Amino acid sequence: MNKEILAILPISIRQIMQKLNEIVQKDMEEIRIREKRPLEIVYNNQHLFISEAGKLTTNDQEAYIPTKEDTYKILNLISNHSIYRLEEELKRGYITIQGGHRIGIVGKAIMENGMVKSLKDISSFNIRIAKQKIGIAKPILPFLLVDGNIIQNTLIISPPMCGKTTLLRDIARELSRGNPQLGKSGKKVGIVDERSEIAGCVEGVPQNDVGPRTDILDACPKAEGMMMMIRSMSPDVLIVDEIGRQEDTLAITEARNSGVSVIATAHGLNIEEVMKRPTISSLIQQEIFTRFILLSRKKGVGTIEGIFDGQLRQIYFKEKSYV
């Protein structure tokens, strides 16, 4: 099992996780630890409990029950025994650790002037295991590059846990690296990583391979970050995850008017559902996006349901998982 994940688990839970089948250890997506509630993982599109013997089960009565001491030790381990250094992360509700893994944290919110100042009485953790899939973007790059090397403004649409961030990350890497053998020069890529999930930066250094010509603005709101990137780093393409707010729409429009391409993601079952969201609908109606990639889990994480042009005409269909 991943050493960075094991390092932030208390011995009691670490030993249980190490008893799991090697395939399960390799392929699980999340570990959910809730104080005085069953230990759970997400694996193979299933939510399963784990017994103290390392057995997977659907019966919560058989599961190991994390203790208050377990959750206390996890918090100490991820904060390096200094909860104060996590003040900003607690305000956002997650922390990124070595390896690019993201840990969601919830408890009792401490409010100040109507805003979340911090969290206390922390009792639940969602450890999302970072998985890089190097090269998965190669088959779709010909649909994103036209007239040789012009990047299409692209929106990747999928429900949660269907691999859109994983695909987005590899698109950034492939565009940044380029392919001299095919006459594809590397691009200047700017990632605005609001949730520290694309590049997985720790102390400013990306834990994931996002390419040699990529600059990352970590933990910054997307709209503000896109404008900062355009002003300071002159990117060829901006990469952002999970757009949806009005300010995102304005920033994407401004980026296009500045000659910068944008590749983004949005939650949705299909294009029709995304069209019901006014902010994204306006971008689609104005044909700001000229490519749409629709993902699902129909045949595994990252099933490409289709690629569409700016007028929503399907230009590619091959129901196959990239994993």
C-alpha atoms as a PDB file:
ATOM      1  CA  MET A   1       0.000   0.000   0.000  1.00  0.00           C
ATOM      2  CA  ASN A   2       1.094   3.562  -0.658  1.00  0.00           C
ATOM      3  CA  LYS A   3       3.702   4.617   1.912  1.00  0.00           C
ATOM      4  CA  GLU A   4       2.430   8.213   2.161  1.00  0.00           C
ATOM      5  CA  ILE A   5      -1.029   6.942   3.121  1.00  0.00           C
ATOM      6  CA  LEU A   6       0.311   4.441   5.651  1.00  0.00           C
ATOM      7  CA  ALA A   7       2.382   7.191   7.255  1.00  0.00           C
ATOM      8  CA  ILE A   8      -0.701   9.172   8.329  1.00  0.00           C
ATOM      9  CA  LEU A   9      -2.671   6.209   9.695  1.00  0.00           C
ATOM     10  CA  PRO A  10      -2.568   5.154  13.367  1.00  0.00           C
ATOM     11  CA  ILE A  11      -1.044   1.713  13.924  1.00  0.00           C
ATOM     12  CA  SER A  12      -4.441   0.117  14.584  1.00  0.00           C
ATOM     13  CA  ILE A  13      -5.846   1.116  11.178  1.00  0.00           C
ATOM     14  CA  ARG A  14      -2.512   0.772   9.380  1.00  0.00           C
ATOM     15  CA  GLN A  15      -2.299  -2.883  10.342  1.00  0.00           C
ATOM     16  CA  ILE A  16      -5.848  -3.505   9.134  1.00  0.00           C
ATOM     17  CA  MET A  17      -5.173  -1.866   5.758  1.00  0.00           C
ATOM     18  CA  GLN A  18      -2.022  -3.921   5.296  1.00  0.00           C
ATOM     19  CA  LYS A  19      -4.064  -7.119   5.691  1.00  0.00           C
ATOM     20  CA  LEU A  20      -6.137  -6.281   2.610  1.00  0.00           C
ATOM     21  CA  ASN A  21      -5.642  -8.159  -0.626  1.00  0.00           C
ATOM     22  CA  GLU A  22      -2.823  -6.595  -2.703  1.00  0.00           C
ATOM     23  CA  ILE A  23      -5.190  -5.845  -5.598  1.00  0.00           C
ATOM     24  CA  VAL A  24      -7.578  -4.036  -3.239  1.00  0.00           C
ATOM     25  CA  GLN A  25      -4.678  -2.057  -1.742  1.00  0.00           C
ATOM     26  CA  LYS A  26      -3.560  -1.046  -5.222  1.00  0.00           C
ATOM     27  CA  ASP A  27      -6.950  -0.144  -6.689  1.00  0.00           C
ATOM     28  CA  MET A  28      -8.951   1.396  -3.822  1.00  0.00           C
ATOM     29  CA  GLU A  29      -9.949   5.011  -4.348  1.00  0.00           C
ATOM     30  CA  GLU A  30     -10.881   6.268  -0.884  1.00  0.00           C
ATOM     31  CA  ILE A  31     -10.491   5.403   2.798  1.00  0.00           C
ATOM     32  CA  ARG A  32     -13.255   6.830   5.002  1.00  0.00           C
ATOM     33  CA  ILE A  33     -12.520   7.007   8.710  1.00  0.00           C
ATOM     34  CA  ARG A  34     -15.335   8.162  11.003  1.00  0.00           C
ATOM     35  CA  GLU A  35     -15.007   8.139  14.770  1.00  0.00           C
ATOM     36  CA  LYS A  36     -17.201   5.423  16.389  1.00  0.00           C
ATOM     37  CA  ARG A  37     -18.572   4.395  12.965  1.00  0.00           C
ATOM     38  CA  PRO A  38     -17.490   1.594  10.613  1.00  0.00           C
ATOM     39  CA  LEU A  39     -14.190   1.814   8.729  1.00  0.00           C
ATOM     40  CA  GLU A  40     -14.987   2.024   5.008  1.00  0.00           C
ATOM     41  CA  ILE A  41     -13.230   2.078   1.639  1.00  0.00           C
ATOM     42  CA  VAL A  42     -14.310   2.802  -1.920  1.00  0.00           C
ATOM     43  CA  TYR A  43     -13.064   0.062  -4.232  1.00  0.00           C
ATOM     44  CA  ASN A  44     -14.172  -1.154  -7.665  1.00  0.00           C
ATOM     45  CA  ASN A  45     -17.163   1.207  -7.633  1.00  0.00           C
ATOM     46  CA  GLN A  46     -18.323  -0.256  -4.282  1.00  0.00           C
ATOM     47  CA  HIS A  47     -18.507   1.164  -0.758  1.00  0.00           C
ATOM     48  CA  LEU A  48     -17.288  -1.616   1.545  1.00  0.00           C
ATOM     49  CA  PHE A  49     -16.585  -1.941   5.262  1.00  0.00           C
ATOM     50  CA  ILE A  50     -13.420  -3.558   6.642  1.00  0.00           C
ATOM     51  CA  SER A  51     -13.197  -5.910   9.588  1.00  0.00           C
ATOM     52  CA  GLU A  52     -10.315  -5.921  12.052  1.00  0.00           C
ATOM     53  CA  ALA A  53      -9.000  -8.980  10.210  1.00  0.00           C
ATOM     54  CA  GLY A  54      -8.847  -7.039   6.942  1.00  0.00           C
ATOM     55  CA  LYS A  55     -11.935  -8.671   5.443  1.00  0.00           C
ATOM     56  CA  LEU A  56     -14.197  -6.669   3.118  1.00  0.00           C
ATOM     57  CA  THR A  57     -17.866  -6.802   4.042  1.00  0.00           C
ATOM     58  CA  THR A  58     -21.185  -5.096   3.384  1.00  0.00           C
ATOM     59  CA  ASN A  59     -22.216  -5.732   7.009  1.00  0.00           C
ATOM     60  CA  ASP A  60     -21.390  -2.722   9.170  1.00  0.00           C
ATOM     61  CA  GLN A  61     -21.669  -4.920  12.289  1.00  0.00           C
ATOM     62  CA  GLU A  62     -18.511  -6.792  11.228  1.00  0.00           C
ATOM     63  CA  ALA A  63     -16.443  -3.662  10.613  1.00  0.00           C
ATOM     64  CA  TYR A  64     -13.669  -2.168  12.692  1.00  0.00           C
ATOM     65  CA  ILE A  65     -14.880   0.908  14.575  1.00  0.00           C
ATOM     66  CA  PRO A  66     -12.288   3.724  14.732  1.00  0.00           C
ATOM     67  CA  THR A  67     -11.863   5.184  18.206  1.00  0.00           C
ATOM     68  CA  LYS A  68     -11.417   8.755  19.422  1.00  0.00           C
ATOM     69  CA  GLU A  69      -7.749   7.927  19.895  1.00  0.00           C
ATOM     70  CA  ASP A  70      -7.542   6.841  16.232  1.00  0.00           C
ATOM     71  CA  THR A  71      -8.923  10.139  14.945  1.00  0.00           C
ATOM     72  CA  TYR A  72      -6.739  12.105  17.341  1.00  0.00           C
ATOM     73  CA  LYS A  73      -3.628  10.296  16.074  1.00  0.00           C
ATOM     74  CA  ILE A  74      -4.566  10.873  12.415  1.00  0.00           C
ATOM     75  CA  LEU A  75      -4.926  14.593  13.048  1.00  0.00           C
ATOM     76  CA  ASN A  76      -1.554  14.682  14.784  1.00  0.00           C
ATOM     77  CA  LEU A  77       0.133  12.712  12.011  1.00  0.00           C
ATOM     78  CA  ILE A  78      -1.192  14.832   9.124  1.00  0.00           C
ATOM     79  CA  SER A  79      -0.353  18.053  11.011  1.00  0.00           C
ATOM     80  CA  ASN A  80       3.062  16.810  12.094  1.00  0.00           C
ATOM     81  CA  HIS A  81       1.865  17.250  15.692  1.00  0.00           C
ATOM     82  CA  SER A  82       1.099  20.957  15.188  1.00  0.00           C
ATOM     83  CA  ILE A  83      -2.585  21.568  14.531  1.00  0.00           C
ATOM     84  CA  TYR A  84      -1.893  25.302  14.176  1.00  0.00           C
ATOM     85  CA  ARG A  85       0.012  24.748  10.923  1.00  0.00           C
ATOM     86  CA  LEU A  86      -3.219  23.426   9.427  1.00  0.00           C
ATOM     87  CA  GLU A  87      -5.234  26.583  10.097  1.00  0.00           C
ATOM     88  CA  GLU A  88      -5.735  27.496   6.430  1.00  0.00           C
ATOM     89  CA  GLU A  89      -6.380  23.883   5.388  1.00  0.00           C
ATOM     90  CA  LEU A  90      -8.969  23.389   8.126  1.00  0.00           C
ATOM     91  CA  LYS A  91     -10.755  26.497   6.898  1.00  0.00           C
ATOM     92  CA  ARG A  92     -11.054  24.856   3.451  1.00  0.00           C
ATOM     93  CA  GLY A  93     -11.882  21.422   4.860  1.00  0.00           C
ATOM     94  CA  TYR A  94      -9.043  19.423   3.337  1.00  0.00           C
ATOM     95  CA  ILE A  95      -5.273  19.013   3.295  1.00  0.00           C
ATOM     96  CA  THR A  96      -2.983  17.683   0.559  1.00  0.00           C
ATOM     97  CA  ILE A  97      -0.148  15.421   1.712  1.00  0.00           C
ATOM     98  CA  GLN A  98       3.006  14.025   0.112  1.00  0.00           C
ATOM     99  CA  GLY A  99       2.135  12.082  -3.022  1.00  0.00           C
ATOM    100  CA  GLY A 100      -0.725  14.427  -3.902  1.00  0.00           C
ATOM    101  CA  HIS A 101      -3.290  12.554  -1.797  1.00  0.00           C
ATOM    102  CA  ARG A 102      -6.099  14.740  -0.482  1.00  0.00           C
ATOM    103  CA  ILE A 103      -7.681  14.292   2.943  1.00  0.00           C
ATOM    104  CA  GLY A 104     -11.132  15.746   3.516  1.00  0.00           C
ATOM    105  CA  ILE A 105     -11.749  16.784   7.126  1.00  0.00           C
ATOM    106  CA  VAL A 106     -15.030  17.569   8.897  1.00  0.00           C
ATOM    107  CA  GLY A 107     -16.071  18.356  12.441  1.00  0.00           C
ATOM    108  CA  LYS A 108     -17.633  21.354  14.166  1.00  0.00           C
ATOM    109  CA  ALA A 109     -17.254  24.622  12.272  1.00  0.00           C
ATOM    110  CA  ILE A 110     -15.921  27.687  14.105  1.00  0.00           C
ATOM    111  CA  MET A 111     -17.555  30.761  12.564  1.00  0.00           C
ATOM    112  CA  GLU A 112     -16.353  34.351  12.423  1.00  0.00           C
ATOM    113  CA  ASN A 113     -18.266  37.128  10.638  1.00  0.00           C
ATOM    114  CA  GLY A 114     -20.393  34.554   8.869  1.00  0.00           C
ATOM    115  CA  MET A 115     -17.352  32.681   7.496  1.00  0.00           C
ATOM    116  CA  VAL A 116     -15.757  29.390   8.534  1.00  0.00           C
ATOM    117  CA  LYS A 117     -12.654  30.290  10.523  1.00  0.00           C
ATOM    118  CA  SER A 118     -11.589  26.752  11.441  1.00  0.00           C
ATOM    119  CA  LEU A 119     -12.819  23.337  12.565  1.00  0.00           C
ATOM    120  CA  LYS A 120     -12.780  21.629  15.935  1.00  0.00           C
ATOM    121  CA  ASP A 121     -14.002  18.283  17.298  1.00  0.00           C
ATOM    122  CA  ILE A 122     -12.752  16.688  14.075  1.00  0.00           C
ATOM    123  CA  SER A 123     -14.168  13.201  13.758  1.00  0.00           C
ATOM    124  CA  SER A 124     -14.246  12.225  10.054  1.00  0.00           C
ATOM    125  CA  PHE A 125     -11.591  11.899   7.369  1.00  0.00           C
ATOM    126  CA  ASN A 126     -11.932  11.038   3.689  1.00  0.00           C
ATOM    127  CA  ILE A 127      -8.564  10.012   2.270  1.00  0.00           C
ATOM    128  CA  ARG A 128      -8.748  10.302  -1.523  1.00  0.00           C
ATOM    129  CA  ILE A 129      -5.884   8.312  -2.984  1.00  0.00           C
ATOM    130  CA  ALA A 130      -4.171  10.139  -5.843  1.00  0.00           C
ATOM    131  CA  LYS A 131      -3.698   8.034  -8.953  1.00  0.00           C
ATOM    132  CA  GLN A 132      -1.797   9.226 -11.970  1.00  0.00           C
ATOM    133  CA  LYS A 133      -2.635   7.608 -15.300  1.00  0.00           C
ATOM    134  CA  ILE A 134       0.245   8.661 -17.492  1.00  0.00           C
ATOM    135  CA  GLY A 135      -0.575   8.817 -21.202  1.00  0.00           C
ATOM    136  CA  ILE A 136      -4.363   8.430 -20.991  1.00  0.00           C
ATOM    137  CA  ALA A 137      -4.871  11.764 -22.779  1.00  0.00           C
ATOM    138  CA  LYS A 138      -2.922  10.746 -25.905  1.00  0.00           C
ATOM    139  CA  PRO A 139      -5.897   9.185 -27.775  1.00  0.00           C
ATOM    140  CA  ILE A 140      -8.026  12.298 -27.389  1.00  0.00           C
ATOM    141  CA  LEU A 141      -5.369  14.955 -28.080  1.00  0.00           C
ATOM    142  CA  PRO A 142      -6.021  14.909 -31.857  1.00  0.00           C
ATOM    143  CA  PHE A 143      -9.566  16.116 -31.066  1.00  0.00           C
ATOM    144  CA  LEU A 144      -8.261  18.947 -28.879  1.00  0.00           C
ATOM    145  CA  LEU A 145      -5.620  20.215 -31.308  1.00  0.00           C
ATOM    146  CA  VAL A 146      -6.694  21.573 -34.702  1.00  0.00           C
ATOM    147  CA  ASP A 147      -4.760  23.057 -37.622  1.00  0.00           C
ATOM    148  CA  GLY A 148      -1.697  21.377 -36.280  1.00  0.00           C
ATOM    149  CA  ASN A 149      -1.295  22.891 -32.848  1.00  0.00           C
ATOM    150  CA  ILE A 150      -4.217  25.169 -31.861  1.00  0.00           C
ATOM    151  CA  ILE A 151      -5.780  24.128 -28.536  1.00  0.00           C
ATOM    152  CA  GLN A 152      -9.565  23.922 -28.462  1.00  0.00           C
ATOM    153  CA  ASN A 153     -11.425  25.374 -25.480  1.00  0.00           C
ATOM    154  CA  THR A 154     -12.618  22.151 -23.856  1.00  0.00           C
ATOM    155  CA  LEU A 155     -15.096  21.192 -21.129  1.00  0.00           C
ATOM    156  CA  ILE A 156     -14.880  17.716 -19.560  1.00  0.00           C
ATOM    157  CA  ILE A 157     -18.260  16.668 -18.120  1.00  0.00           C
ATOM    158  CA  SER A 158     -18.901  13.774 -15.752  1.00  0.00           C
ATOM    159  CA  PRO A 159     -20.528  12.796 -12.454  1.00  0.00           C
ATOM    160  CA  PRO A 160     -18.225  12.642  -9.383  1.00  0.00           C
ATOM    161  CA  MET A 161     -15.623   9.857  -9.223  1.00  0.00           C
ATOM    162  CA  CYS A 162     -15.516   9.251 -12.979  1.00  0.00           C
ATOM    163  CA  GLY A 163     -11.931  10.347 -13.539  1.00  0.00           C
ATOM    164  CA  LYS A 164     -12.307  13.846 -14.952  1.00  0.00           C
ATOM    165  CA  THR A 165      -9.538  15.321 -12.777  1.00  0.00           C
ATOM    166  CA  THR A 166      -7.229  12.426 -13.661  1.00  0.00           C
ATOM    167  CA  LEU A 167      -7.842  13.062 -17.361  1.00  0.00           C
ATOM    168  CA  LEU A 168      -7.465  16.824 -16.915  1.00  0.00           C
ATOM    169  CA  ARG A 169      -4.110  16.307 -15.195  1.00  0.00           C
ATOM    170  CA  ASP A 170      -2.772  14.168 -18.034  1.00  0.00           C
ATOM    171  CA  ILE A 171      -4.002  16.614 -20.676  1.00  0.00           C
ATOM    172  CA  ALA A 172      -1.953  19.296 -18.883  1.00  0.00           C
ATOM    173  CA  ARG A 173       1.084  17.003 -18.833  1.00  0.00           C
ATOM    174  CA  GLU A 174       0.788  16.035 -22.507  1.00  0.00           C
ATOM    175  CA  LEU A 175       0.291  19.621 -23.709  1.00  0.00           C
ATOM    176  CA  SER A 176       3.172  20.837 -21.540  1.00  0.00           C
ATOM    177  CA  ARG A 177       5.555  18.168 -22.757  1.00  0.00           C
ATOM    178  CA  GLY A 178       4.571  18.193 -26.433  1.00  0.00           C
ATOM    179  CA  ASN A 179       5.658  15.568 -28.964  1.00  0.00           C
ATOM    180  CA  PRO A 180       8.587  16.678 -31.146  1.00  0.00           C
ATOM    181  CA  GLN A 181       8.409  13.443 -33.159  1.00  0.00           C
ATOM    182  CA  LEU A 182       4.934  14.459 -34.352  1.00  0.00           C
ATOM    183  CA  GLY A 183       5.816  18.113 -34.701  1.00  0.00           C
ATOM    184  CA  LYS A 184       3.829  19.072 -31.574  1.00  0.00           C
ATOM    185  CA  SER A 185       5.634  21.724 -29.574  1.00  0.00           C
ATOM    186  CA  GLY A 186       5.176  21.918 -25.822  1.00  0.00           C
ATOM    187  CA  LYS A 187       2.786  24.574 -24.538  1.00  0.00           C
ATOM    188  CA  LYS A 188       3.003  26.966 -21.610  1.00  0.00           C
ATOM    189  CA  VAL A 189       0.376  25.530 -19.247  1.00  0.00           C
ATOM    190  CA  GLY A 190      -1.105  27.377 -16.276  1.00  0.00           C
ATOM    191  CA  ILE A 191      -2.990  25.338 -13.675  1.00  0.00           C
ATOM    192  CA  VAL A 192      -5.240  27.151 -11.215  1.00  0.00           C
ATOM    193  CA  ASP A 193      -5.546  24.420  -8.614  1.00  0.00           C
ATOM    194  CA  GLU A 194      -8.175  25.745  -6.210  1.00  0.00           C
ATOM    195  CA  ARG A 195      -8.522  22.449  -4.297  1.00  0.00           C
ATOM    196  CA  SER A 196      -4.879  21.310  -4.634  1.00  0.00           C
ATOM    197  CA  GLU A 197      -6.088  18.243  -6.488  1.00  0.00           C
ATOM    198  CA  ILE A 198      -4.764  18.557 -10.052  1.00  0.00           C
ATOM    199  CA  ALA A 199      -1.081  19.074  -9.291  1.00  0.00           C
ATOM    200  CA  GLY A 200      -1.299  18.064  -5.619  1.00  0.00           C
ATOM    201  CA  CYS A 201       1.212  20.673  -4.434  1.00  0.00           C
ATOM    202  CA  VAL A 202       2.904  20.352  -1.072  1.00  0.00           C
ATOM    203  CA  GLU A 203       4.823  23.489  -0.043  1.00  0.00           C
ATOM    204  CA  GLY A 204       4.500  24.745  -3.618  1.00  0.00           C
ATOM    205  CA  VAL A 205       5.952  21.642  -5.283  1.00  0.00           C
ATOM    206  CA  PRO A 206       3.628  19.504  -7.464  1.00  0.00           C
ATOM    207  CA  GLN A 207       3.415  15.894  -6.310  1.00  0.00           C
ATOM    208  CA  ASN A 208       1.887  14.840  -9.637  1.00  0.00           C
ATOM    209  CA  ASP A 209       3.583  14.982 -13.030  1.00  0.00           C
ATOM    210  CA  VAL A 210       1.916  17.916 -14.785  1.00  0.00           C
ATOM    211  CA  GLY A 211       4.658  18.530 -17.337  1.00  0.00           C
ATOM    212  CA  PRO A 212       7.907  20.522 -17.669  1.00  0.00           C
ATOM    213  CA  ARG A 213       6.347  23.781 -18.917  1.00  0.00           C
ATOM    214  CA  THR A 214       3.570  24.005 -16.325  1.00  0.00           C
ATOM    215  CA  ASP A 215       3.080  26.689 -13.681  1.00  0.00           C
ATOM    216  CA  ILE A 216       0.695  26.092 -10.766  1.00  0.00           C
ATOM    217  CA  LEU A 217      -1.265  28.593  -8.721  1.00  0.00           C
ATOM    218  CA  ASP A 218      -2.231  26.504  -5.720  1.00  0.00           C
ATOM    219  CA  ALA A 219      -5.240  26.946  -3.387  1.00  0.00           C
ATOM    220  CA  CYS A 220      -6.456  30.030  -5.232  1.00  0.00           C
ATOM    221  CA  PRO A 221     -10.068  30.693  -6.323  1.00  0.00           C
ATOM    222  CA  LYS A 222     -10.416  29.856 -10.016  1.00  0.00           C
ATOM    223  CA  ALA A 223     -11.682  33.169 -11.331  1.00  0.00           C
ATOM    224  CA  GLU A 224      -9.088  35.302  -9.565  1.00  0.00           C
ATOM    225  CA  GLY A 225      -6.388  32.744 -10.319  1.00  0.00           C
ATOM    226  CA  MET A 226      -7.070  32.706 -14.065  1.00  0.00           C
ATOM    227  CA  MET A 227      -6.644  36.473 -14.252  1.00  0.00           C
ATOM    228  CA  MET A 228      -3.456  36.304 -12.172  1.00  0.00           C
ATOM    229  CA  MET A 229      -2.051  33.624 -14.456  1.00  0.00           C
ATOM    230  CA  ILE A 230      -2.822  35.598 -17.615  1.00  0.00           C
ATOM    231  CA  ARG A 231      -1.178  38.731 -16.189  1.00  0.00           C
ATOM    232  CA  SER A 232       1.886  37.080 -14.698  1.00  0.00           C
ATOM    233  CA  MET A 233       2.725  33.876 -16.616  1.00  0.00           C
ATOM    234  CA  SER A 234       1.371  34.397 -20.182  1.00  0.00           C
ATOM    235  CA  PRO A 235       0.101  30.808 -20.555  1.00  0.00           C
ATOM    236  CA  ASP A 236      -0.984  29.246 -23.838  1.00  0.00           C
ATOM    237  CA  VAL A 237      -3.648  27.275 -21.999  1.00  0.00           C
ATOM    238  CA  LEU A 238      -5.313  27.482 -18.587  1.00  0.00           C
ATOM    239  CA  ILE A 239      -6.373  24.326 -16.744  1.00  0.00           C
ATOM    240  CA  VAL A 240      -9.121  24.555 -14.089  1.00  0.00           C
ATOM    241  CA  ASP A 241     -11.301  22.005 -12.288  1.00  0.00           C
ATOM    242  CA  GLU A 242     -15.041  22.120 -11.526  1.00  0.00           C
ATOM    243  CA  ILE A 243     -16.290  25.431 -12.876  1.00  0.00           C
ATOM    244  CA  GLY A 244     -19.797  26.664 -12.126  1.00  0.00           C
ATOM    245  CA  ARG A 245     -19.849  30.101 -10.521  1.00  0.00           C
ATOM    246  CA  GLN A 246     -20.666  33.322 -12.339  1.00  0.00           C
ATOM    247  CA  GLU A 247     -17.170  34.660 -11.756  1.00  0.00           C
ATOM    248  CA  ASP A 248     -15.731  31.517 -13.401  1.00  0.00           C
ATOM    249  CA  THR A 249     -17.790  32.255 -16.503  1.00  0.00           C
ATOM    250  CA  LEU A 250     -16.526  35.838 -16.692  1.00  0.00           C
ATOM    251  CA  ALA A 251     -12.905  34.742 -16.240  1.00  0.00           C
ATOM    252  CA  ILE A 252     -13.156  32.061 -18.940  1.00  0.00           C
ATOM    253  CA  THR A 253     -14.670  34.577 -21.359  1.00  0.00           C
ATOM    254  CA  GLU A 254     -11.897  37.041 -20.555  1.00  0.00           C
ATOM    255  CA  ALA A 255      -9.266  34.343 -21.100  1.00  0.00           C
ATOM    256  CA  ARG A 256     -10.664  33.573 -24.543  1.00  0.00           C
ATOM    257  CA  ASN A 257     -10.690  37.285 -25.409  1.00  0.00           C
ATOM    258  CA  SER A 258      -7.034  37.377 -24.341  1.00  0.00           C
ATOM    259  CA  GLY A 259      -6.159  34.564 -26.737  1.00  0.00           C
ATOM    260  CA  VAL A 260      -5.647  31.968 -23.999  1.00  0.00           C
ATOM    261  CA  SER A 261      -7.271  28.548 -24.372  1.00  0.00           C
ATOM    262  CA  VAL A 262      -9.134  27.011 -21.413  1.00  0.00           C
ATOM    263  CA  ILE A 263      -9.613  23.349 -20.529  1.00  0.00           C
ATOM    264  CA  ALA A 264     -11.996  22.837 -17.615  1.00  0.00           C
ATOM    265  CA  THR A 265     -14.256  20.282 -15.939  1.00  0.00           C
ATOM    266  CA  ALA A 266     -17.836  20.400 -14.663  1.00  0.00           C
ATOM    267  CA  HIS A 267     -20.075  18.037 -12.730  1.00  0.00           C
ATOM    268  CA  GLY A 268     -22.963  16.569 -14.714  1.00  0.00           C
ATOM    269  CA  LEU A 269     -24.457  13.343 -16.049  1.00  0.00           C
ATOM    270  CA  ASN A 270     -24.555  14.714 -19.583  1.00  0.00           C
ATOM    271  CA  ILE A 271     -24.444  17.929 -21.604  1.00  0.00           C
ATOM    272  CA  GLU A 272     -28.200  18.439 -21.229  1.00  0.00           C
ATOM    273  CA  GLU A 273     -27.893  18.471 -17.431  1.00  0.00           C
ATOM    274  CA  VAL A 274     -24.996  20.934 -17.508  1.00  0.00           C
ATOM    275  CA  MET A 275     -27.044  23.169 -19.840  1.00  0.00           C
ATOM    276  CA  LYS A 276     -29.549  23.619 -16.987  1.00  0.00           C
ATOM    277  CA  ARG A 277     -26.921  25.542 -15.017  1.00  0.00           C
ATOM    278  CA  PRO A 278     -27.222  29.175 -16.196  1.00  0.00           C
ATOM    279  CA  THR A 279     -23.550  30.061 -15.771  1.00  0.00           C
ATOM    280  CA  ILE A 280     -22.259  27.143 -17.851  1.00  0.00           C
ATOM    281  CA  SER A 281     -25.185  27.296 -20.278  1.00  0.00           C
ATOM    282  CA  SER A 282     -24.179  30.802 -21.338  1.00  0.00           C
ATOM    283  CA  LEU A 283     -20.674  29.586 -22.206  1.00  0.00           C
ATOM    284  CA  ILE A 284     -22.115  26.735 -24.282  1.00  0.00           C
ATOM    285  CA  GLN A 285     -24.628  28.937 -26.083  1.00  0.00           C
ATOM    286  CA  GLN A 286     -21.912  31.437 -26.993  1.00  0.00           C
ATOM    287  CA  GLU A 287     -19.759  28.521 -28.233  1.00  0.00           C
ATOM    288  CA  ILE A 288     -16.946  29.574 -25.919  1.00  0.00           C
ATOM    289  CA  PHE A 289     -16.184  25.856 -25.644  1.00  0.00           C
ATOM    290  CA  THR A 290     -15.461  24.139 -28.945  1.00  0.00           C
ATOM    291  CA  ARG A 291     -14.959  20.653 -27.528  1.00  0.00           C
ATOM    292  CA  PHE A 292     -16.880  18.629 -24.937  1.00  0.00           C
ATOM    293  CA  ILE A 293     -15.716  15.311 -23.472  1.00  0.00           C
ATOM    294  CA  LEU A 294     -18.362  13.235 -21.694  1.00  0.00           C
ATOM    295  CA  LEU A 295     -17.171  10.674 -19.117  1.00  0.00           C
ATOM    296  CA  SER A 296     -18.928   8.009 -17.047  1.00  0.00           C
ATOM    297  CA  ARG A 297     -18.143   4.786 -15.160  1.00  0.00           C
ATOM    298  CA  LYS A 298     -20.188   2.592 -17.507  1.00  0.00           C
ATOM    299  CA  LYS A 299     -17.180   0.418 -18.381  1.00  0.00           C
ATOM    300  CA  GLY A 300     -14.940   1.509 -15.560  1.00  0.00           C
ATOM    301  CA  VAL A 301     -13.584   4.829 -14.334  1.00  0.00           C
ATOM    302  CA  GLY A 302     -12.990   7.192 -17.230  1.00  0.00           C
ATOM    303  CA  THR A 303     -15.344   5.654 -19.792  1.00  0.00           C
ATOM    304  CA  ILE A 304     -15.401   8.082 -22.713  1.00  0.00           C
ATOM    305  CA  GLU A 305     -19.040   8.347 -23.744  1.00  0.00           C
ATOM    306  CA  GLY A 306     -18.280  10.747 -26.559  1.00  0.00           C
ATOM    307  CA  ILE A 307     -16.510  13.889 -27.775  1.00  0.00           C
ATOM    308  CA  PHE A 308     -18.577  16.742 -29.216  1.00  0.00           C
ATOM    309  CA  ASP A 309     -17.805  19.949 -31.093  1.00  0.00           C
ATOM    310  CA  GLY A 310     -18.937  23.467 -30.189  1.00  0.00           C
ATOM    311  CA  GLN A 311     -22.328  22.902 -31.817  1.00  0.00           C
ATOM    312  CA  LEU A 312     -22.779  19.719 -29.733  1.00  0.00           C
ATOM    313  CA  ARG A 313     -22.327  17.405 -32.720  1.00  0.00           C
ATOM    314  CA  GLN A 314     -20.722  14.111 -31.762  1.00  0.00           C
ATOM    315  CA  ILE A 315     -17.331  13.707 -33.428  1.00  0.00           C
ATOM    316  CA  TYR A 316     -16.061  10.691 -31.510  1.00  0.00           C
ATOM    317  CA  PHE A 317     -17.699   7.706 -29.861  1.00  0.00           C
ATOM    318  CA  LYS A 318     -15.938   4.725 -28.387  1.00  0.00           C
ATOM    319  CA  GLU A 319     -17.433   3.459 -25.164  1.00  0.00           C
ATOM    320  CA  LYS A 320     -14.202   2.418 -23.522  1.00  0.00           C
ATOM    321  CA  SER A 321     -12.516   3.196 -20.235  1.00  0.00           C
ATOM    322  CA  TYR A 322      -9.134   4.911 -20.471  1.00  0.00           C
ATOM    323  CA  VAL A 323      -7.986   3.131 -17.291  1.00  0.00           C
END
